[in-house]
């Protein structure tokens, strides 16, 4: 009798878990809304994942949270639900922009965006030129002010939405 009770409890409890932390479907978004300084004409050129005009990385202007990721990166996958939740609250207050690096093809980036609920603009580094700019490894998250200066660089996984909110408030002065 006890065995049956434990089996029933285990089945009921397993139904309470959510194996899919991201409920929404992502969308490949145009990069045309990303704030850039059009006078910057030299630097590392990025393509937009959706095929719209790209940008020179040095031209990006904030306030902006710039997340560098790869579809092959398991820790990037781990932090994506935090960015999805953050963006639902931060949209219109701070720009969230992604850069896919070391991808075999833009199709891999598009699939990752759609499968992980991303609904913000993402660039694609076809020539893998950003490695020297960002450093080795991903994920990396940069906080860029209105002048284009990187005011903080978080190397590694964003552990929680509250961490992302706190860093945005501390380094960009934007209340979420």
N, C-alpha and C. Protein backbone atom coordinates (compact mmCIF):
# COMPACT_ATOMS: atom_id res chain seq x y z
N UNK A 1 0.82 -1.19 0.00
CA UNK A 1 0.00 0.00 0.00
C UNK A 1 0.87 1.27 0.00
N UNK A 2 1.94 1.25 0.82
CA UNK A 2 2.83 2.41 0.87
C UNK A 2 3.49 2.64 -0.47
N UNK A 3 3.85 1.58 -1.17
CA UNK A 3 4.49 1.70 -2.47
C UNK A 3 3.57 2.39 -3.45
N UNK A 4 2.30 2.00 -3.46
CA UNK A 4 1.32 2.62 -4.36
C UNK A 4 1.16 4.10 -4.02
N UNK A 5 1.10 4.42 -2.73
CA UNK A 5 0.98 5.81 -2.30
C UNK A 5 2.17 6.64 -2.81
N UNK A 6 3.39 6.12 -2.68
CA UNK A 6 4.58 6.85 -3.13
C UNK A 6 4.61 7.00 -4.66
N UNK A 7 4.15 5.98 -5.36
CA UNK A 7 4.10 6.07 -6.83
C UNK A 7 3.11 7.15 -7.25
N UNK A 8 1.95 7.18 -6.62
CA UNK A 8 0.95 8.20 -6.94
C UNK A 8 1.48 9.59 -6.63
N UNK A 9 2.13 9.76 -5.48
CA UNK A 9 2.71 11.06 -5.11
C UNK A 9 3.78 11.48 -6.11
N UNK A 10 4.61 10.56 -6.51
CA UNK A 10 5.67 10.87 -7.47
C UNK A 10 5.08 11.30 -8.80
N UNK A 11 4.04 10.62 -9.25
CA UNK A 11 3.39 10.99 -10.51
C UNK A 11 2.74 12.37 -10.41
N UNK A 12 2.08 12.64 -9.30
CA UNK A 12 1.45 13.95 -9.11
C UNK A 12 2.49 15.07 -9.07
N UNK A 13 3.58 14.84 -8.36
CA UNK A 13 4.62 15.86 -8.26
C UNK A 13 5.33 16.08 -9.57
N UNK A 14 5.53 15.03 -10.34
CA UNK A 14 6.21 15.19 -11.63
C UNK A 14 5.36 16.01 -12.59
N UNK A 15 4.07 16.00 -12.42
CA UNK A 15 3.19 16.82 -13.26
C UNK A 15 3.29 18.29 -12.95
N UNK A 16 3.85 18.63 -11.78
CA UNK A 16 3.98 20.04 -11.38
C UNK A 16 5.21 20.70 -11.97
N UNK A 17 6.13 19.92 -12.47
CA UNK A 17 7.36 20.52 -12.99
C UNK A 17 7.13 21.06 -14.39
N UNK A 18 7.92 22.05 -14.74
CA UNK A 18 7.84 22.65 -16.08
C UNK A 18 9.18 22.44 -16.75
N UNK A 19 9.22 21.52 -17.70
CA UNK A 19 10.49 21.22 -18.35
C UNK A 19 10.85 22.25 -19.41
N UNK A 20 9.89 23.09 -19.81
CA UNK A 20 10.13 24.11 -20.82
C UNK A 20 10.05 25.49 -20.17
N UNK A 21 11.19 26.07 -19.76
CA UNK A 21 11.16 27.33 -19.05
C UNK A 21 10.74 28.51 -19.91
N UNK A 22 10.82 28.39 -21.22
CA UNK A 22 10.44 29.48 -22.10
C UNK A 22 9.12 29.10 -22.77
N UNK A 23 8.06 29.82 -22.45
CA UNK A 23 6.75 29.47 -22.97
C UNK A 23 6.48 30.10 -24.33
N UNK A 24 7.09 31.21 -24.61
CA UNK A 24 6.77 31.89 -25.86
C UNK A 24 7.70 31.48 -26.99
N UNK A 25 7.20 31.61 -28.20
CA UNK A 25 7.99 31.34 -29.39
C UNK A 25 8.75 32.60 -29.76
N UNK A 26 10.00 32.44 -30.14
CA UNK A 26 10.81 33.59 -30.53
C UNK A 26 10.52 34.03 -31.95
N UNK A 27 11.08 35.18 -32.28
CA UNK A 27 10.90 35.74 -33.61
C UNK A 27 12.18 36.45 -34.03
N UNK A 28 12.61 36.20 -35.24
CA UNK A 28 13.79 36.86 -35.78
C UNK A 28 13.37 38.30 -36.12
N UNK A 29 13.97 39.26 -35.43
CA UNK A 29 13.58 40.67 -35.49
C UNK A 29 14.60 41.48 -36.29
N UNK A 30 14.11 42.47 -37.00
CA UNK A 30 14.97 43.39 -37.75
C UNK A 30 15.87 44.18 -36.80
N UNK A 31 17.06 44.51 -37.27
CA UNK A 31 18.00 45.30 -36.48
C UNK A 31 17.87 46.80 -36.74
N UNK A 32 16.90 47.18 -37.55
CA UNK A 32 16.75 48.60 -37.91
C UNK A 32 16.44 49.49 -36.71
N UNK A 33 15.89 48.93 -35.63
CA UNK A 33 15.55 49.73 -34.45
C UNK A 33 16.75 49.96 -33.52
N UNK A 34 17.85 49.28 -33.75
CA UNK A 34 19.02 49.39 -32.87
C UNK A 34 19.67 50.76 -33.06
N UNK A 35 19.95 51.43 -31.95
CA UNK A 35 20.56 52.75 -32.00
C UNK A 35 22.04 52.65 -32.34
N UNK A 36 22.43 53.36 -33.40
CA UNK A 36 23.83 53.38 -33.82
C UNK A 36 24.24 54.81 -34.14
N UNK A 37 25.53 55.04 -34.11
CA UNK A 37 26.11 56.32 -34.54
C UNK A 37 26.49 56.14 -36.01
N UNK A 38 25.75 56.78 -36.90
CA UNK A 38 25.97 56.60 -38.34
C UNK A 38 27.27 57.22 -38.82
N UNK A 39 27.91 58.03 -37.99
CA UNK A 39 29.19 58.61 -38.37
C UNK A 39 30.34 57.61 -38.22
N UNK A 40 30.12 56.53 -37.47
CA UNK A 40 31.14 55.50 -37.32
C UNK A 40 31.05 54.61 -38.56
N UNK A 41 32.13 54.63 -39.35
CA UNK A 41 32.11 53.88 -40.61
C UNK A 41 33.20 52.80 -40.68
N UNK A 42 34.06 52.73 -39.69
CA UNK A 42 35.11 51.72 -39.67
C UNK A 42 35.00 50.90 -38.40
N UNK A 43 35.29 49.62 -38.54
CA UNK A 43 35.25 48.72 -37.39
C UNK A 43 34.80 47.35 -37.82
N UNK A 44 34.29 46.60 -36.87
CA UNK A 44 33.87 45.23 -37.12
C UNK A 44 32.42 45.23 -37.60
N UNK A 45 32.21 44.81 -38.84
CA UNK A 45 30.87 44.81 -39.43
C UNK A 45 30.12 43.53 -39.05
N UNK A 46 28.88 43.72 -38.66
CA UNK A 46 28.00 42.61 -38.31
C UNK A 46 26.80 42.59 -39.25
N UNK A 47 26.31 41.41 -39.55
CA UNK A 47 25.08 41.25 -40.32
C UNK A 47 23.92 41.12 -39.33
N UNK A 48 22.73 41.49 -39.75
CA UNK A 48 21.55 41.22 -38.93
C UNK A 48 21.06 39.82 -39.28
N UNK A 49 20.65 39.07 -38.29
CA UNK A 49 20.21 37.69 -38.51
C UNK A 49 19.03 37.65 -39.48
N UNK A 50 18.18 38.69 -39.48
CA UNK A 50 17.00 38.67 -40.36
C UNK A 50 17.30 39.14 -41.78
N UNK A 51 18.54 39.57 -42.04
CA UNK A 51 18.91 40.04 -43.37
C UNK A 51 18.77 41.53 -43.55
N UNK A 52 18.21 42.25 -42.57
CA UNK A 52 18.13 43.71 -42.65
C UNK A 52 19.54 44.29 -42.48
N UNK A 53 19.71 45.59 -42.73
CA UNK A 53 21.05 46.17 -42.63
C UNK A 53 21.71 45.88 -41.28
N UNK A 54 22.97 45.56 -41.34
CA UNK A 54 23.75 45.28 -40.14
C UNK A 54 24.29 46.56 -39.54
N UNK A 55 25.35 46.44 -38.77
CA UNK A 55 25.95 47.60 -38.10
C UNK A 55 27.42 47.32 -37.85
N UNK A 56 28.13 48.38 -37.59
CA UNK A 56 29.51 48.27 -37.13
C UNK A 56 29.44 48.25 -35.61
N UNK A 57 30.08 47.27 -35.02
CA UNK A 57 29.93 47.07 -33.58
C UNK A 57 30.32 48.32 -32.78
N UNK A 58 31.31 49.03 -33.25
CA UNK A 58 31.75 50.24 -32.54
C UNK A 58 30.73 51.37 -32.63
N UNK A 59 29.72 51.22 -33.50
CA UNK A 59 28.71 52.27 -33.67
C UNK A 59 27.52 52.10 -32.73
N UNK A 60 27.43 50.98 -32.03
CA UNK A 60 26.27 50.73 -31.17
C UNK A 60 26.21 51.73 -30.03
N UNK A 61 25.00 52.23 -29.75
CA UNK A 61 24.78 53.22 -28.69
C UNK A 61 23.65 52.76 -27.79
N UNK A 62 23.76 53.06 -26.53
CA UNK A 62 22.77 52.63 -25.56
C UNK A 62 21.84 53.73 -25.12
N UNK A 63 21.17 53.47 -24.01
CA UNK A 63 21.47 52.38 -23.10
C UNK A 63 21.10 51.03 -23.72
N UNK A 64 22.05 50.12 -23.61
CA UNK A 64 21.91 48.83 -24.28
C UNK A 64 22.53 47.71 -23.45
N UNK A 65 21.83 46.59 -23.41
CA UNK A 65 22.37 45.35 -22.88
C UNK A 65 22.67 44.50 -24.11
N UNK A 66 23.93 44.16 -24.30
CA UNK A 66 24.39 43.42 -25.47
C UNK A 66 24.83 42.03 -25.03
N UNK A 67 24.09 41.02 -25.46
CA UNK A 67 24.38 39.64 -25.07
C UNK A 67 25.02 38.89 -26.24
N UNK A 68 26.21 38.35 -25.99
CA UNK A 68 26.95 37.59 -27.00
C UNK A 68 26.72 36.11 -26.71
N UNK A 69 26.24 35.38 -27.72
CA UNK A 69 25.83 34.00 -27.52
C UNK A 69 26.14 33.15 -28.76
N UNK A 70 26.00 31.85 -28.60
CA UNK A 70 26.12 30.92 -29.71
C UNK A 70 25.08 29.83 -29.56
N UNK A 71 24.50 29.38 -30.66
CA UNK A 71 23.48 28.34 -30.59
C UNK A 71 24.04 27.02 -30.08
N UNK A 72 25.32 26.83 -30.19
CA UNK A 72 26.02 25.62 -29.75
C UNK A 72 26.40 25.67 -28.27
N UNK A 73 26.18 26.80 -27.62
CA UNK A 73 26.64 27.08 -26.25
C UNK A 73 25.57 26.70 -25.23
N UNK A 74 25.83 25.66 -24.44
CA UNK A 74 24.83 25.20 -23.47
C UNK A 74 24.59 26.22 -22.36
N UNK A 75 25.61 26.95 -21.94
CA UNK A 75 25.38 27.96 -20.90
C UNK A 75 24.61 29.15 -21.44
N UNK A 76 24.74 29.43 -22.74
CA UNK A 76 23.92 30.48 -23.36
C UNK A 76 22.46 30.07 -23.32
N UNK A 77 22.21 28.80 -23.58
CA UNK A 77 20.85 28.27 -23.51
C UNK A 77 20.31 28.39 -22.09
N UNK A 78 21.15 28.11 -21.11
CA UNK A 78 20.74 28.17 -19.70
C UNK A 78 20.29 29.57 -19.30
N UNK A 79 20.95 30.61 -19.80
CA UNK A 79 20.62 31.96 -19.38
C UNK A 79 19.50 32.61 -20.20
N UNK A 80 19.14 32.02 -21.31
CA UNK A 80 18.17 32.66 -22.20
C UNK A 80 16.81 32.93 -21.55
N UNK A 81 16.27 32.04 -20.71
CA UNK A 81 14.99 32.37 -20.06
C UNK A 81 15.07 33.65 -19.22
N UNK A 82 16.24 33.93 -18.65
CA UNK A 82 16.40 35.16 -17.85
C UNK A 82 16.31 36.39 -18.75
N UNK A 83 16.89 36.31 -19.94
CA UNK A 83 16.82 37.42 -20.88
C UNK A 83 15.40 37.60 -21.42
N UNK A 84 14.71 36.50 -21.70
CA UNK A 84 13.34 36.58 -22.20
C UNK A 84 12.45 37.27 -21.17
N UNK A 85 12.56 36.87 -19.92
CA UNK A 85 11.76 37.48 -18.87
C UNK A 85 12.14 38.95 -18.66
N UNK A 86 13.44 39.22 -18.65
CA UNK A 86 13.94 40.59 -18.50
C UNK A 86 13.38 41.49 -19.60
N UNK A 87 13.43 41.02 -20.85
CA UNK A 87 12.99 41.85 -21.97
C UNK A 87 11.50 42.15 -21.92
N UNK A 88 10.72 41.25 -21.37
CA UNK A 88 9.28 41.52 -21.25
C UNK A 88 9.02 42.71 -20.35
N UNK A 89 9.93 42.99 -19.43
CA UNK A 89 9.80 44.12 -18.51
C UNK A 89 10.60 45.35 -18.97
N UNK A 90 11.71 45.13 -19.68
CA UNK A 90 12.64 46.21 -20.02
C UNK A 90 12.37 46.85 -21.38
N UNK A 91 11.58 46.20 -22.22
CA UNK A 91 11.33 46.70 -23.57
C UNK A 91 10.81 48.14 -23.50
N UNK A 92 11.43 49.02 -24.27
CA UNK A 92 11.06 50.42 -24.27
C UNK A 92 11.85 51.25 -23.27
N UNK A 93 12.56 50.60 -22.36
CA UNK A 93 13.38 51.30 -21.36
C UNK A 93 14.87 51.18 -21.68
N UNK A 94 15.27 50.02 -22.16
CA UNK A 94 16.65 49.75 -22.51
C UNK A 94 16.63 48.79 -23.71
N UNK A 95 17.57 48.96 -24.61
CA UNK A 95 17.66 48.06 -25.75
C UNK A 95 18.33 46.76 -25.32
N UNK A 96 17.78 45.66 -25.80
CA UNK A 96 18.43 44.36 -25.65
C UNK A 96 18.79 43.91 -27.05
N UNK A 97 20.06 43.61 -27.26
CA UNK A 97 20.56 43.22 -28.57
C UNK A 97 21.45 41.99 -28.38
N UNK A 98 21.36 41.06 -29.31
CA UNK A 98 22.19 39.87 -29.26
C UNK A 98 23.17 39.84 -30.41
N UNK A 99 24.26 39.11 -30.20
CA UNK A 99 25.21 38.84 -31.27
C UNK A 99 25.54 37.35 -31.23
N UNK A 100 25.20 36.66 -32.30
CA UNK A 100 25.51 35.24 -32.44
C UNK A 100 26.92 35.10 -32.99
N UNK A 101 27.74 34.32 -32.31
CA UNK A 101 29.13 34.16 -32.72
C UNK A 101 29.46 32.69 -32.96
N UNK A 102 30.48 32.50 -33.81
CA UNK A 102 31.01 31.17 -34.11
C UNK A 102 29.93 30.19 -34.56
N UNK A 103 29.02 30.68 -35.38
CA UNK A 103 27.92 29.87 -35.90
C UNK A 103 28.32 29.24 -37.23
N UNK A 104 27.83 28.05 -37.48
CA UNK A 104 28.08 27.40 -38.76
C UNK A 104 27.30 28.08 -39.89
N UNK A 105 26.10 28.61 -39.55
CA UNK A 105 25.30 29.31 -40.54
C UNK A 105 24.27 30.18 -39.83
N UNK A 106 23.77 31.21 -40.51
CA UNK A 106 22.72 32.03 -39.91
C UNK A 106 21.46 31.23 -39.57
N UNK A 107 21.24 30.15 -40.28
CA UNK A 107 20.07 29.30 -40.01
C UNK A 107 20.11 28.75 -38.59
N UNK A 108 21.28 28.39 -38.10
CA UNK A 108 21.41 27.91 -36.72
C UNK A 108 21.00 28.99 -35.74
N UNK A 109 21.41 30.23 -36.01
CA UNK A 109 21.05 31.36 -35.15
C UNK A 109 19.55 31.59 -35.18
N UNK A 110 18.97 31.57 -36.36
CA UNK A 110 17.52 31.78 -36.49
C UNK A 110 16.74 30.72 -35.71
N UNK A 111 17.14 29.49 -35.83
CA UNK A 111 16.47 28.40 -35.12
C UNK A 111 16.58 28.60 -33.60
N UNK A 112 17.77 28.95 -33.12
CA UNK A 112 17.98 29.18 -31.69
C UNK A 112 17.06 30.31 -31.19
N UNK A 113 16.98 31.39 -31.95
CA UNK A 113 16.14 32.53 -31.58
C UNK A 113 14.68 32.09 -31.46
N UNK A 114 14.19 31.39 -32.46
CA UNK A 114 12.80 30.97 -32.48
C UNK A 114 12.48 29.96 -31.39
N UNK A 115 13.38 29.02 -31.15
CA UNK A 115 13.13 27.97 -30.17
C UNK A 115 13.27 28.44 -28.73
N UNK A 116 13.92 29.59 -28.52
CA UNK A 116 14.20 30.02 -27.14
C UNK A 116 13.50 31.32 -26.75
N UNK A 117 12.51 31.72 -27.52
CA UNK A 117 11.66 32.84 -27.12
C UNK A 117 12.27 34.21 -27.26
N UNK A 118 13.33 34.35 -28.04
CA UNK A 118 13.99 35.65 -28.20
C UNK A 118 13.17 36.53 -29.15
N UNK A 119 12.90 37.76 -28.73
CA UNK A 119 12.09 38.68 -29.53
C UNK A 119 12.77 40.05 -29.63
N UNK A 120 14.07 40.06 -29.69
CA UNK A 120 14.84 41.30 -29.82
C UNK A 120 15.80 41.14 -30.99
N UNK A 121 16.36 42.26 -31.47
CA UNK A 121 17.28 42.19 -32.62
C UNK A 121 18.55 41.41 -32.29
N UNK A 122 19.02 40.66 -33.28
CA UNK A 122 20.25 39.88 -33.13
C UNK A 122 21.11 40.03 -34.37
N UNK A 123 22.37 40.26 -34.14
CA UNK A 123 23.36 40.31 -35.21
C UNK A 123 24.04 38.96 -35.33
N UNK A 124 24.77 38.81 -36.42
CA UNK A 124 25.46 37.57 -36.74
C UNK A 124 26.88 37.92 -37.17
N UNK A 125 27.87 37.33 -36.54
CA UNK A 125 29.28 37.57 -36.86
C UNK A 125 29.76 36.47 -37.80
N UNK A 126 29.51 36.65 -39.09
CA UNK A 126 29.83 35.62 -40.09
C UNK A 126 31.32 35.32 -40.14
N UNK A 127 32.16 36.34 -40.00
CA UNK A 127 33.61 36.16 -40.15
C UNK A 127 34.34 35.91 -38.84
N UNK A 128 33.61 35.78 -37.74
CA UNK A 128 34.19 35.54 -36.41
C UNK A 128 35.24 36.59 -36.05
N UNK A 129 34.93 37.83 -36.34
CA UNK A 129 35.86 38.93 -36.07
C UNK A 129 35.70 39.52 -34.67
N UNK A 130 34.62 39.20 -33.98
CA UNK A 130 34.37 39.83 -32.68
C UNK A 130 35.15 39.20 -31.53
N UNK A 131 35.77 38.07 -31.77
CA UNK A 131 36.49 37.37 -30.69
C UNK A 131 37.50 38.30 -30.00
N UNK A 132 38.26 39.04 -30.77
CA UNK A 132 39.24 39.96 -30.19
C UNK A 132 38.55 41.10 -29.45
N UNK A 133 37.39 41.50 -29.92
CA UNK A 133 36.65 42.60 -29.31
C UNK A 133 36.04 42.20 -27.96
N UNK A 134 35.44 41.01 -27.90
CA UNK A 134 34.75 40.55 -26.69
C UNK A 134 35.61 39.70 -25.78
N UNK A 135 36.63 39.06 -26.32
CA UNK A 135 37.43 38.12 -25.55
C UNK A 135 36.97 36.71 -25.86
N UNK A 136 37.63 35.77 -25.27
CA UNK A 136 37.35 34.35 -25.53
C UNK A 136 36.10 33.91 -24.77
N UNK A 137 35.35 33.05 -25.39
CA UNK A 137 34.24 32.39 -24.73
C UNK A 137 32.95 33.18 -24.72
N UNK A 138 31.87 32.45 -24.55
CA UNK A 138 30.54 33.01 -24.38
C UNK A 138 29.85 32.21 -23.28
N UNK A 139 28.85 32.74 -22.66
CA UNK A 139 28.23 34.02 -22.92
C UNK A 139 29.00 35.18 -22.29
N UNK A 140 28.82 36.33 -22.92
CA UNK A 140 29.34 37.60 -22.42
C UNK A 140 28.20 38.60 -22.56
N UNK A 141 28.01 39.44 -21.55
CA UNK A 141 26.98 40.47 -21.61
C UNK A 141 27.63 41.81 -21.31
N UNK A 142 27.43 42.75 -22.24
CA UNK A 142 28.00 44.08 -22.09
C UNK A 142 26.89 45.09 -21.85
N UNK A 143 27.20 46.08 -21.06
CA UNK A 143 26.27 47.16 -20.76
C UNK A 143 26.88 48.42 -21.39
N UNK A 144 26.19 48.96 -22.39
CA UNK A 144 26.72 50.05 -23.22
C UNK A 144 25.90 51.31 -22.96
N UNK A 145 26.60 52.41 -22.66
CA UNK A 145 25.90 53.67 -22.39
C UNK A 145 25.59 54.41 -23.69
N UNK A 146 24.97 55.59 -23.55
CA UNK A 146 24.51 56.36 -24.71
C UNK A 146 25.66 56.82 -25.61
N UNK A 147 26.86 56.95 -25.05
CA UNK A 147 28.01 57.38 -25.86
C UNK A 147 28.68 56.21 -26.59
N UNK A 148 28.24 54.99 -26.30
CA UNK A 148 28.83 53.81 -26.92
C UNK A 148 29.90 53.14 -26.08
N UNK A 149 30.14 53.67 -24.90
CA UNK A 149 31.16 53.11 -24.01
C UNK A 149 30.61 51.88 -23.28
N UNK A 150 31.41 50.83 -23.26
CA UNK A 150 31.06 49.65 -22.47
C UNK A 150 31.38 49.99 -21.02
N UNK A 151 30.34 50.11 -20.21
CA UNK A 151 30.52 50.51 -18.81
C UNK A 151 30.65 49.31 -17.88
N UNK A 152 30.25 48.12 -18.37
CA UNK A 152 30.44 46.90 -17.59
C UNK A 152 30.39 45.71 -18.53
N UNK A 153 31.22 44.72 -18.23
CA UNK A 153 31.29 43.49 -19.02
C UNK A 153 31.15 42.32 -18.06
N UNK A 154 30.07 41.57 -18.21
CA UNK A 154 29.83 40.38 -17.39
C UNK A 154 30.26 39.17 -18.22
N UNK A 155 31.29 38.49 -17.76
CA UNK A 155 31.77 37.29 -18.42
C UNK A 155 31.11 36.10 -17.73
N UNK A 156 30.43 35.28 -18.50
CA UNK A 156 29.76 34.12 -17.93
C UNK A 156 28.25 34.29 -17.90
N UNK A 157 27.62 33.32 -17.31
CA UNK A 157 26.16 33.20 -17.31
C UNK A 157 25.50 34.24 -16.42
N UNK A 158 24.43 34.84 -16.93
CA UNK A 158 23.53 35.63 -16.10
C UNK A 158 22.69 34.61 -15.34
N UNK A 159 22.78 34.65 -14.02
CA UNK A 159 22.15 33.60 -13.20
C UNK A 159 20.66 33.81 -12.96
N UNK A 160 20.21 35.08 -13.02
CA UNK A 160 18.80 35.34 -12.73
C UNK A 160 18.37 36.65 -13.37
N UNK A 161 17.07 36.78 -13.52
CA UNK A 161 16.52 38.04 -14.03
C UNK A 161 16.86 39.19 -13.07
N UNK A 162 16.81 38.92 -11.76
CA UNK A 162 17.11 39.98 -10.79
C UNK A 162 18.56 40.45 -10.93
N UNK A 163 19.48 39.56 -11.26
CA UNK A 163 20.86 39.97 -11.51
C UNK A 163 20.92 40.90 -12.71
N UNK A 164 20.24 40.56 -13.76
CA UNK A 164 20.22 41.38 -14.98
C UNK A 164 19.59 42.75 -14.71
N UNK A 165 18.52 42.78 -13.96
CA UNK A 165 17.87 44.04 -13.60
C UNK A 165 18.81 44.90 -12.76
N UNK A 166 19.45 44.28 -11.77
CA UNK A 166 20.35 45.03 -10.88
C UNK A 166 21.55 45.60 -11.66
N UNK A 167 22.13 44.82 -12.57
CA UNK A 167 23.26 45.31 -13.37
C UNK A 167 22.83 46.44 -14.30
N UNK A 168 21.64 46.34 -14.86
CA UNK A 168 21.12 47.39 -15.74
C UNK A 168 20.91 48.68 -14.96
N UNK A 169 20.36 48.57 -13.78
CA UNK A 169 20.15 49.76 -12.95
C UNK A 169 21.48 50.36 -12.49
N UNK A 170 22.41 49.50 -12.08
CA UNK A 170 23.70 49.98 -11.56
C UNK A 170 24.54 50.63 -12.64
N UNK A 171 24.65 50.01 -13.79
CA UNK A 171 25.59 50.50 -14.80
C UNK A 171 24.99 51.40 -15.87
N UNK A 172 23.68 51.27 -16.08
CA UNK A 172 23.05 52.12 -17.11
C UNK A 172 22.09 53.14 -16.50
N UNK A 173 21.83 53.01 -15.22
CA UNK A 173 20.92 53.95 -14.56
C UNK A 173 19.48 53.83 -15.01
N UNK A 174 19.12 52.68 -15.53
CA UNK A 174 17.75 52.46 -16.02
C UNK A 174 17.00 51.58 -15.02
N UNK A 175 15.90 52.10 -14.53
CA UNK A 175 15.06 51.36 -13.59
C UNK A 175 14.12 50.45 -14.37
N UNK A 176 14.11 49.19 -14.01
CA UNK A 176 13.24 48.22 -14.66
C UNK A 176 12.10 47.85 -13.71
